[in-house]
Amino acid sequence: MSLRHFVWAAGLVLLACARPPAPAPPPKALRAVAVFPPNNRTGDELLVAGGSLLERYAFHTERVTVGDVVAAEARGELSDRGIDVVAPEVVDAAVADYAARTPETAARQAARAHIDATVLYIEIRRWEHNAPFNTVSIIVSLSATLIDPADGRVVWTGEFPSRPIATTGAVNPGAADVIAATKATTELLAPLTAIHP
């Protein structure tokens, strides 16, 4: 075996043994969290309700997106764990007309609005139905960052890696979106279960 082949083989062995970086451990204490509107990076509106002409003009249905559902689920998950959650109206006032596209921007918006809470910034990276009408699964990828608005320090990051979520029992694509959003958000925030206020 030549030296060149040996170096190449050794490199492959080292690469195979390498582990991905471990996610940051959850913070030991979390008093309050401000859940910012998720950043939808899919390029699609991801409407759950209110998108059709009938919904808009005949029934005047409010527009609801996957991001709205993910944010509501995140608030519910954190509240169920005994963590104070900043009212969505307070966050909406801080965001005004400019949705944060980075955790740092969300932290700056919270600091400017004097929100005394850790910011939860979520990105929707992938959201693909298996079929347009009879959705039985949705491929989902989410990421989350907890950031301290006082100093911009990231205190935790988490990820729901890209994979399909079964939406069995969904009667329409919107119902499938709600099922997938609930499952993905619950799993994404699962490491925070040990946090006590």
Protein backbone atom coordinates (compact mmCIF):
# COMPACT_ATOMS: atom_id res chain seq x y z
CA MET A 1 0.00 0.00 0.00
CA SER A 2 1.43 3.35 -1.01
CA LEU A 3 1.67 6.26 1.40
CA ARG A 4 -0.94 8.11 -0.63
CA HIS A 5 -3.47 5.26 -0.27
CA PHE A 6 -2.68 4.92 3.43
CA VAL A 7 -3.33 8.63 4.07
CA TRP A 8 -6.57 8.44 2.07
CA ALA A 9 -7.77 5.35 4.01
CA ALA A 10 -6.79 6.88 7.36
CA GLY A 11 -8.74 10.00 6.45
CA LEU A 12 -11.82 7.90 5.68
CA VAL A 13 -11.53 6.07 9.01
CA LEU A 14 -11.23 9.36 10.91
CA LEU A 15 -14.19 10.80 9.02
CA ALA A 16 -16.30 7.74 9.83
CA CYS A 17 -15.44 8.06 13.52
CA ALA A 18 -16.24 11.75 13.69
CA ARG A 19 -19.40 12.65 15.53
CA PRO A 20 -21.59 15.63 14.79
CA PRO A 21 -21.32 18.34 17.41
CA ALA A 22 -23.57 17.71 20.39
CA PRO A 23 -26.43 20.18 20.77
CA ALA A 24 -26.04 22.75 23.49
CA PRO A 25 -27.50 21.55 26.79
CA PRO A 26 -30.65 23.34 27.85
CA PRO A 27 -30.18 26.19 30.32
CA LYS A 28 -30.54 25.31 33.99
CA ALA A 29 -33.08 28.02 34.74
CA LEU A 30 -35.51 29.76 32.45
CA ARG A 31 -37.80 32.32 34.00
CA ALA A 32 -39.74 33.67 31.01
CA VAL A 33 -39.75 33.22 27.22
CA ALA A 34 -40.95 35.45 24.38
CA VAL A 35 -41.92 33.27 21.40
CA PHE A 36 -41.21 35.27 18.26
CA PRO A 37 -43.04 34.58 14.98
CA PRO A 38 -41.24 31.71 13.23
CA ASN A 39 -39.16 32.54 10.18
CA ASN A 40 -40.63 30.61 7.25
CA ARG A 41 -37.68 29.84 4.96
CA THR A 42 -39.58 27.46 2.65
CA GLY A 43 -40.59 30.06 0.08
CA ASP A 44 -44.25 29.02 0.42
CA GLU A 45 -46.93 30.86 2.42
CA LEU A 46 -47.85 27.61 4.24
CA LEU A 47 -51.48 28.63 4.74
CA VAL A 48 -53.48 26.40 7.05
CA ALA A 49 -56.71 28.37 6.70
CA GLY A 50 -58.03 31.52 5.06
CA GLY A 51 -56.31 31.13 1.72
CA SER A 52 -59.16 30.16 -0.59
CA LEU A 53 -61.53 32.67 -2.21
CA LEU A 54 -64.47 31.09 -0.38
CA GLU A 55 -62.73 31.39 3.00
CA ARG A 56 -61.64 34.97 2.34
CA TYR A 57 -64.77 36.48 0.84
CA ALA A 58 -67.71 34.30 1.86
CA PHE A 59 -66.72 33.13 5.33
CA HIS A 60 -64.18 35.86 6.18
CA THR A 61 -61.87 33.22 7.66
CA GLU A 62 -58.77 34.62 9.35
CA ARG A 63 -55.53 33.69 7.61
CA VAL A 64 -53.60 31.15 9.66
CA THR A 65 -50.17 29.87 8.66
CA VAL A 66 -48.03 26.95 9.77
CA GLY A 67 -45.84 29.55 11.53
CA ASP A 68 -48.85 30.73 13.54
CA VAL A 69 -49.58 27.14 14.60
CA VAL A 70 -45.92 26.44 15.49
CA ALA A 71 -45.73 29.62 17.61
CA ALA A 72 -48.99 28.78 19.42
CA GLU A 73 -47.80 25.23 20.07
CA ALA A 74 -44.45 26.52 21.37
CA ARG A 75 -46.22 28.88 23.78
CA GLY A 76 -48.43 26.02 24.98
CA GLU A 77 -45.50 23.62 25.43
CA LEU A 78 -43.48 26.12 27.45
CA SER A 79 -46.47 27.15 29.56
CA ASP A 80 -47.25 23.49 30.30
CA ARG A 81 -43.72 23.19 31.70
CA GLY A 82 -44.27 26.03 34.14
CA ILE A 83 -42.35 28.66 32.17
CA ASP A 84 -43.84 32.16 31.95
CA VAL A 85 -44.66 33.02 28.34
CA VAL A 86 -44.81 36.62 27.15
CA ALA A 87 -48.22 37.46 25.67
CA PRO A 88 -48.25 37.25 21.86
CA GLU A 89 -49.61 40.82 21.66
CA VAL A 90 -46.47 42.12 23.39
CA VAL A 91 -44.25 40.23 20.94
CA ASP A 92 -46.34 41.44 17.97
CA ALA A 93 -45.84 45.03 19.13
CA ALA A 94 -42.07 44.47 19.33
CA VAL A 95 -41.99 42.93 15.87
CA ALA A 96 -44.23 45.66 14.37
CA ASP A 97 -44.09 45.19 10.59
CA TYR A 98 -40.68 43.53 10.41
CA ALA A 99 -40.47 39.82 11.20
CA ALA A 100 -37.06 38.76 12.50
CA ARG A 101 -34.96 36.73 10.06
CA THR A 102 -32.21 35.87 12.55
CA PRO A 103 -32.08 35.14 16.28
CA GLU A 104 -29.96 38.26 16.76
CA THR A 105 -32.60 40.46 15.11
CA ALA A 106 -35.30 38.95 17.33
CA ALA A 107 -33.13 39.65 20.40
CA ARG A 108 -32.60 43.28 19.33
CA GLN A 109 -36.35 43.73 18.78
CA ALA A 110 -37.05 42.30 22.25
CA ALA A 111 -34.41 44.56 23.83
CA ARG A 112 -35.80 47.68 22.11
CA ALA A 113 -39.31 46.79 23.33
CA HIS A 114 -37.96 46.19 26.88
CA ILE A 115 -39.15 42.57 26.90
CA ASP A 116 -37.52 41.01 29.96
CA ALA A 117 -37.50 37.41 28.75
CA THR A 118 -35.38 34.98 26.81
CA VAL A 119 -36.31 35.01 23.10
CA LEU A 120 -37.33 31.81 21.33
CA TYR A 121 -36.57 32.11 17.60
CA ILE A 122 -37.81 29.26 15.37
CA GLU A 123 -37.08 28.63 11.69
CA ILE A 124 -39.27 26.51 9.42
CA ARG A 125 -36.70 25.08 7.03
CA ARG A 126 -38.80 22.48 5.22
CA TRP A 127 -42.52 21.75 4.97
CA GLU A 128 -43.58 19.41 2.14
CA HIS A 129 -46.89 17.55 1.83
CA ASN A 130 -46.69 14.08 0.29
CA ALA A 131 -49.77 14.92 -1.83
CA PRO A 132 -51.76 18.12 -2.47
CA PHE A 133 -55.17 16.84 -1.29
CA ASN A 134 -54.87 13.53 0.56
CA THR A 135 -51.96 14.31 2.87
CA VAL A 136 -50.80 11.31 4.91
CA SER A 137 -47.40 12.75 5.81
CA ILE A 138 -45.45 16.00 5.74
CA ILE A 139 -41.67 16.28 5.57
CA VAL A 140 -40.70 18.79 8.25
CA SER A 141 -37.49 20.48 9.36
CA LEU A 142 -37.38 23.05 12.18
CA SER A 143 -34.67 24.72 14.22
CA ALA A 144 -34.87 26.73 17.43
CA THR A 145 -32.62 29.18 19.24
CA LEU A 146 -33.03 30.61 22.73
CA ILE A 147 -31.20 33.92 22.96
CA ASP A 148 -30.77 36.41 25.80
CA PRO A 149 -31.79 39.87 24.54
CA ALA A 150 -29.75 41.60 27.26
CA ASP A 151 -26.40 40.53 25.81
CA GLY A 152 -27.26 38.62 22.59
CA ARG A 153 -25.87 35.38 24.04
CA VAL A 154 -27.29 32.15 22.59
CA VAL A 155 -28.28 29.96 25.55
CA TRP A 156 -29.63 26.94 23.66
CA THR A 157 -30.17 25.61 20.15
CA GLY A 158 -32.26 22.67 18.98
CA GLU A 159 -33.23 21.04 15.73
CA PHE A 160 -35.99 18.85 14.34
CA PRO A 161 -34.09 17.27 11.43
CA SER A 162 -35.80 16.82 8.08
CA ARG A 163 -38.07 13.78 8.16
CA PRO A 164 -41.69 12.80 7.44
CA ILE A 165 -44.38 13.13 10.09
CA ALA A 166 -47.46 10.93 9.73
CA THR A 167 -50.70 12.90 9.65
CA THR A 168 -53.07 9.97 9.93
CA GLY A 169 -56.67 11.01 10.43
CA ALA A 170 -56.30 14.44 8.83
CA VAL A 171 -59.42 15.28 6.82
CA ASN A 172 -57.72 18.00 4.75
CA PRO A 173 -54.24 19.50 4.22
CA GLY A 174 -54.84 22.20 6.86
CA ALA A 175 -55.63 19.59 9.49
CA ALA A 176 -52.49 17.69 8.44
CA ASP A 177 -50.46 20.89 8.91
CA VAL A 178 -51.79 21.27 12.47
CA ILE A 179 -50.98 17.63 13.33
CA ALA A 180 -47.43 17.92 11.93
CA ALA A 181 -46.82 21.30 13.60
CA THR A 182 -47.92 19.94 16.97
CA LYS A 183 -45.73 16.82 16.74
CA ALA A 184 -42.64 18.64 15.41
CA THR A 185 -42.83 21.50 17.92
CA THR A 186 -43.30 19.12 20.85
CA GLU A 187 -40.24 17.13 19.82
CA LEU A 188 -38.18 20.23 19.00
CA LEU A 189 -38.73 21.64 22.49
CA ALA A 190 -38.50 18.28 24.31
CA PRO A 191 -34.99 18.99 25.68
CA LEU A 192 -36.46 21.91 27.63
CA THR A 193 -38.56 19.63 29.84
CA ALA A 194 -36.00 19.70 32.65
CA ILE A 195 -36.05 23.48 32.87
CA HIS A 196 -37.62 24.84 36.01
CA PRO A 197 -38.59 28.48 36.55
